[in-house]
Amino acid sequence: MTTRSADGDVVWHNGATGGYSSFIGFNASHQYGVVLLANGYASNLLTGVGLASLSSALPMPPLQVLPEATLEQYVGRYVLAPGMVFTVSRRGRQLYAQLTGQPALPVFASASDRFSYTAVQAALDFQRDARGRVVALVLHQNGQSRRAPRTP
């Protein structure tokens, strides 16, 4: 991925797998790079620190810590397509999203009802009804948005 800033183009990539996170970035204009590794799911944090160290003009991505009671509102099953179900679960203060046939991945709050992955470039928006109940999620990935209604 390339991010443009006042300090020049920053080429970077991040990821997470098996309980480890990483970030690598390079500022082409200034000819220096950064590699960050963590033995936990911290890709959002590593990305923020990495981008900030490569360009003073790139802000840290916002991270929000939500109360466990709020996180519990998102826990449930959401049908993306026949046979494809998102299972959203919680372990302590960490929310996880798992699509049928894939591992459960942590997601991190970046705004009200919005969560981002660190292992893949995707985000989840949760939708509420008029009474404030979570009724669906929307997966944003690869330039597409797909709605998955909540199921009992």
C-alpha atoms as a PDB file:
ATOM      1  CA  MET A   1       0.000   0.000   0.000  1.00  0.00           C
ATOM      2  CA  THR A   2       1.247   3.518  -0.723  1.00  0.00           C
ATOM      3  CA  THR A   3       0.219   6.495   1.400  1.00  0.00           C
ATOM      4  CA  ARG A   4       0.972   9.999   0.182  1.00  0.00           C
ATOM      5  CA  SER A   5       2.054  12.638   2.691  1.00  0.00           C
ATOM      6  CA  ALA A   6       3.746  16.023   2.766  1.00  0.00           C
ATOM      7  CA  ASP A   7       6.997  14.171   3.566  1.00  0.00           C
ATOM      8  CA  GLY A   8       6.737  11.997   0.434  1.00  0.00           C
ATOM      9  CA  ASP A   9       5.268   8.626  -0.457  1.00  0.00           C
ATOM     10  CA  VAL A  10       5.284   5.969   2.250  1.00  0.00           C
ATOM     11  CA  VAL A  11       5.135   2.383   0.979  1.00  0.00           C
ATOM     12  CA  TRP A  12       3.997   0.007   3.713  1.00  0.00           C
ATOM     13  CA  HIS A  13       2.324  -3.266   4.630  1.00  0.00           C
ATOM     14  CA  ASN A  14       1.066  -4.744   7.876  1.00  0.00           C
ATOM     15  CA  GLY A  15      -0.357  -8.029   9.013  1.00  0.00           C
ATOM     16  CA  ALA A  16      -1.013 -10.482  11.789  1.00  0.00           C
ATOM     17  CA  THR A  17      -1.127 -14.240  12.104  1.00  0.00           C
ATOM     18  CA  GLY A  18      -0.878 -16.822  14.836  1.00  0.00           C
ATOM     19  CA  GLY A  19      -0.718 -14.251  17.619  1.00  0.00           C
ATOM     20  CA  TYR A  20       1.993 -12.101  16.010  1.00  0.00           C
ATOM     21  CA  SER A  21       1.797  -8.703  14.276  1.00  0.00           C
ATOM     22  CA  SER A  22       4.118  -6.862  11.935  1.00  0.00           C
ATOM     23  CA  PHE A  23       4.601  -3.605  10.060  1.00  0.00           C
ATOM     24  CA  ILE A  24       7.133  -2.689   7.404  1.00  0.00           C
ATOM     25  CA  GLY A  25       7.347   0.706   5.772  1.00  0.00           C
ATOM     26  CA  PHE A  26       9.689   2.758   3.616  1.00  0.00           C
ATOM     27  CA  ASN A  27       9.799   6.498   2.922  1.00  0.00           C
ATOM     28  CA  ALA A  28      11.054   6.689  -0.664  1.00  0.00           C
ATOM     29  CA  SER A  29      11.777  10.432  -0.577  1.00  0.00           C
ATOM     30  CA  HIS A  30      13.983  10.244   2.506  1.00  0.00           C
ATOM     31  CA  GLN A  31      15.367   6.746   1.816  1.00  0.00           C
ATOM     32  CA  TYR A  32      14.679   5.163   5.210  1.00  0.00           C
ATOM     33  CA  GLY A  33      12.442   2.424   6.495  1.00  0.00           C
ATOM     34  CA  VAL A  34      10.969   0.888   9.617  1.00  0.00           C
ATOM     35  CA  VAL A  35      10.224  -2.716  10.600  1.00  0.00           C
ATOM     36  CA  LEU A  36       8.133  -3.404  13.709  1.00  0.00           C
ATOM     37  CA  LEU A  37       7.260  -6.802  15.201  1.00  0.00           C
ATOM     38  CA  ALA A  38       5.039  -7.740  18.148  1.00  0.00           C
ATOM     39  CA  ASN A  39       4.210 -11.033  19.808  1.00  0.00           C
ATOM     40  CA  GLY A  40       0.477 -10.216  20.015  1.00  0.00           C
ATOM     41  CA  TYR A  41      -2.348  -8.734  17.977  1.00  0.00           C
ATOM     42  CA  ALA A  42      -1.216  -5.124  17.784  1.00  0.00           C
ATOM     43  CA  SER A  43      -1.279  -4.351  14.070  1.00  0.00           C
ATOM     44  CA  ASN A  44      -3.284  -1.121  14.446  1.00  0.00           C
ATOM     45  CA  LEU A  45      -0.810   0.118  17.032  1.00  0.00           C
ATOM     46  CA  LEU A  46       2.219  -0.981  14.992  1.00  0.00           C
ATOM     47  CA  THR A  47       0.788   0.648  11.872  1.00  0.00           C
ATOM     48  CA  GLY A  48       0.195   3.911  13.697  1.00  0.00           C
ATOM     49  CA  VAL A  49       3.673   3.969  15.191  1.00  0.00           C
ATOM     50  CA  GLY A  50       5.260   2.934  11.893  1.00  0.00           C
ATOM     51  CA  LEU A  51       3.459   5.545   9.804  1.00  0.00           C
ATOM     52  CA  ALA A  52       4.111   8.249  12.386  1.00  0.00           C
ATOM     53  CA  SER A  53       7.827   7.434  12.365  1.00  0.00           C
ATOM     54  CA  LEU A  54       7.973   7.567   8.555  1.00  0.00           C
ATOM     55  CA  SER A  55       6.085  10.828   8.127  1.00  0.00           C
ATOM     56  CA  SER A  56       5.267  13.565  10.579  1.00  0.00           C
ATOM     57  CA  ALA A  57       2.200  14.393   8.463  1.00  0.00           C
ATOM     58  CA  LEU A  58       0.493  10.989   8.858  1.00  0.00           C
ATOM     59  CA  PRO A  59      -1.745  10.745  11.932  1.00  0.00           C
ATOM     60  CA  MET A  60      -2.029   7.735  14.214  1.00  0.00           C
ATOM     61  CA  PRO A  61      -5.204   5.765  13.435  1.00  0.00           C
ATOM     62  CA  PRO A  62      -7.860   6.236  16.095  1.00  0.00           C
ATOM     63  CA  LEU A  63      -8.346   3.408  18.582  1.00  0.00           C
ATOM     64  CA  GLN A  64     -11.261   3.255  20.976  1.00  0.00           C
ATOM     65  CA  VAL A  65     -11.676   1.098  24.040  1.00  0.00           C
ATOM     66  CA  LEU A  66     -15.321   0.176  24.497  1.00  0.00           C
ATOM     67  CA  PRO A  67     -16.936  -1.108  27.697  1.00  0.00           C
ATOM     68  CA  GLU A  68     -17.623  -4.840  27.790  1.00  0.00           C
ATOM     69  CA  ALA A  69     -21.381  -4.168  27.939  1.00  0.00           C
ATOM     70  CA  THR A  70     -21.162  -2.290  24.631  1.00  0.00           C
ATOM     71  CA  LEU A  71     -19.069  -5.044  23.036  1.00  0.00           C
ATOM     72  CA  GLU A  72     -21.651  -7.610  24.148  1.00  0.00           C
ATOM     73  CA  GLN A  73     -24.281  -5.864  21.984  1.00  0.00           C
ATOM     74  CA  TYR A  74     -22.401  -6.949  18.842  1.00  0.00           C
ATOM     75  CA  VAL A  75     -22.031 -10.624  19.826  1.00  0.00           C
ATOM     76  CA  GLY A  76     -24.119 -12.867  17.587  1.00  0.00           C
ATOM     77  CA  ARG A  77     -24.488 -14.494  14.183  1.00  0.00           C
ATOM     78  CA  TYR A  78     -24.908 -12.551  10.931  1.00  0.00           C
ATOM     79  CA  VAL A  79     -25.811 -14.230   7.604  1.00  0.00           C
ATOM     80  CA  LEU A  80     -23.684 -12.884   4.749  1.00  0.00           C
ATOM     81  CA  ALA A  81     -24.951 -15.437   2.190  1.00  0.00           C
ATOM     82  CA  PRO A  82     -26.394 -18.959   2.329  1.00  0.00           C
ATOM     83  CA  GLY A  83     -23.822 -21.064   4.168  1.00  0.00           C
ATOM     84  CA  MET A  84     -21.670 -18.012   5.006  1.00  0.00           C
ATOM     85  CA  VAL A  85     -22.202 -16.762   8.537  1.00  0.00           C
ATOM     86  CA  PHE A  86     -20.227 -14.205  10.500  1.00  0.00           C
ATOM     87  CA  THR A  87     -19.944 -15.249  14.129  1.00  0.00           C
ATOM     88  CA  VAL A  88     -19.046 -12.302  16.348  1.00  0.00           C
ATOM     89  CA  SER A  89     -17.740 -13.264  19.782  1.00  0.00           C
ATOM     90  CA  ARG A  90     -16.073 -11.570  22.710  1.00  0.00           C
ATOM     91  CA  ARG A  91     -13.236 -12.580  25.012  1.00  0.00           C
ATOM     92  CA  GLY A  92     -12.925  -9.996  27.757  1.00  0.00           C
ATOM     93  CA  ARG A  93     -12.540  -6.592  26.110  1.00  0.00           C
ATOM     94  CA  GLN A  94     -11.649  -8.042  22.692  1.00  0.00           C
ATOM     95  CA  LEU A  95     -14.187  -8.601  19.915  1.00  0.00           C
ATOM     96  CA  TYR A  96     -13.611 -11.332  17.294  1.00  0.00           C
ATOM     97  CA  ALA A  97     -15.277 -11.906  13.925  1.00  0.00           C
ATOM     98  CA  GLN A  98     -15.223 -15.277  12.200  1.00  0.00           C
ATOM     99  CA  LEU A  99     -16.615 -16.076   8.765  1.00  0.00           C
ATOM    100  CA  THR A 100     -17.602 -19.688   8.089  1.00  0.00           C
ATOM    101  CA  GLY A 101     -14.482 -21.743   7.316  1.00  0.00           C
ATOM    102  CA  GLN A 102     -12.053 -19.056   8.468  1.00  0.00           C
ATOM    103  CA  PRO A 103     -10.295 -18.404  11.783  1.00  0.00           C
ATOM    104  CA  ALA A 104     -11.702 -15.932  14.304  1.00  0.00           C
ATOM    105  CA  LEU A 105      -9.826 -12.640  13.912  1.00  0.00           C
ATOM    106  CA  PRO A 106      -9.739  -9.745  16.360  1.00  0.00           C
ATOM    107  CA  VAL A 107     -11.436  -6.512  15.297  1.00  0.00           C
ATOM    108  CA  PHE A 108     -10.777  -3.120  16.852  1.00  0.00           C
ATOM    109  CA  ALA A 109     -13.185  -0.228  17.406  1.00  0.00           C
ATOM    110  CA  SER A 110     -12.300   2.791  15.293  1.00  0.00           C
ATOM    111  CA  ALA A 111     -15.608   4.679  15.607  1.00  0.00           C
ATOM    112  CA  SER A 112     -19.088   4.182  16.973  1.00  0.00           C
ATOM    113  CA  ASP A 113     -20.313   0.821  15.623  1.00  0.00           C
ATOM    114  CA  ARG A 114     -17.248   0.532  13.321  1.00  0.00           C
ATOM    115  CA  PHE A 115     -14.488  -2.049  13.718  1.00  0.00           C
ATOM    116  CA  SER A 116     -11.349  -2.648  11.678  1.00  0.00           C
ATOM    117  CA  TYR A 117      -9.289  -5.758  11.133  1.00  0.00           C
ATOM    118  CA  THR A 118      -5.528  -5.698  11.448  1.00  0.00           C
ATOM    119  CA  ALA A 119      -4.867  -9.054   9.777  1.00  0.00           C
ATOM    120  CA  VAL A 120      -6.720  -8.126   6.566  1.00  0.00           C
ATOM    121  CA  GLN A 121      -7.766  -4.875   4.929  1.00  0.00           C
ATOM    122  CA  ALA A 122     -11.430  -4.904   5.882  1.00  0.00           C
ATOM    123  CA  ALA A 123     -13.847  -3.202   8.238  1.00  0.00           C
ATOM    124  CA  LEU A 124     -17.199  -4.007   9.823  1.00  0.00           C
ATOM    125  CA  ASP A 125     -19.992  -1.502  10.419  1.00  0.00           C
ATOM    126  CA  PHE A 126     -22.783  -2.569  12.742  1.00  0.00           C
ATOM    127  CA  GLN A 127     -26.269  -1.252  11.997  1.00  0.00           C
ATOM    128  CA  ARG A 128     -28.915  -0.542  14.625  1.00  0.00           C
ATOM    129  CA  ASP A 129     -32.693  -0.333  14.455  1.00  0.00           C
ATOM    130  CA  ALA A 130     -34.790   2.567  15.778  1.00  0.00           C
ATOM    131  CA  ARG A 131     -34.622   1.087  19.300  1.00  0.00           C
ATOM    132  CA  GLY A 132     -30.819   0.895  19.242  1.00  0.00           C
ATOM    133  CA  ARG A 133     -30.537  -2.878  18.843  1.00  0.00           C
ATOM    134  CA  VAL A 134     -27.784  -4.230  16.579  1.00  0.00           C
ATOM    135  CA  VAL A 135     -29.606  -5.807  13.615  1.00  0.00           C
ATOM    136  CA  ALA A 136     -26.917  -6.263  10.936  1.00  0.00           C
ATOM    137  CA  LEU A 137     -23.281  -5.847  10.042  1.00  0.00           C
ATOM    138  CA  VAL A 138     -21.792  -4.539   6.817  1.00  0.00           C
ATOM    139  CA  LEU A 139     -18.485  -5.972   5.604  1.00  0.00           C
ATOM    140  CA  HIS A 140     -16.320  -3.464   3.702  1.00  0.00           C
ATOM    141  CA  GLN A 141     -13.570  -5.242   1.752  1.00  0.00           C
ATOM    142  CA  ASN A 142     -11.985  -5.023  -1.709  1.00  0.00           C
ATOM    143  CA  GLY A 143     -14.073  -1.988  -2.646  1.00  0.00           C
ATOM    144  CA  GLN A 144     -17.347  -3.768  -1.881  1.00  0.00           C
ATOM    145  CA  SER A 145     -19.857  -3.449   0.946  1.00  0.00           C
ATOM    146  CA  ARG A 146     -21.953  -6.495   1.842  1.00  0.00           C
ATOM    147  CA  ARG A 147     -24.745  -6.457   4.417  1.00  0.00           C
ATOM    148  CA  ALA A 148     -25.296  -9.421   6.745  1.00  0.00           C
ATOM    149  CA  PRO A 149     -28.533  -9.389   8.795  1.00  0.00           C
ATOM    150  CA  ARG A 150     -28.384 -10.686  12.361  1.00  0.00           C
ATOM    151  CA  THR A 151     -29.959 -14.095  12.903  1.00  0.00           C
ATOM    152  CA  PRO A 152     -31.219 -15.653  16.159  1.00  0.00           C
END
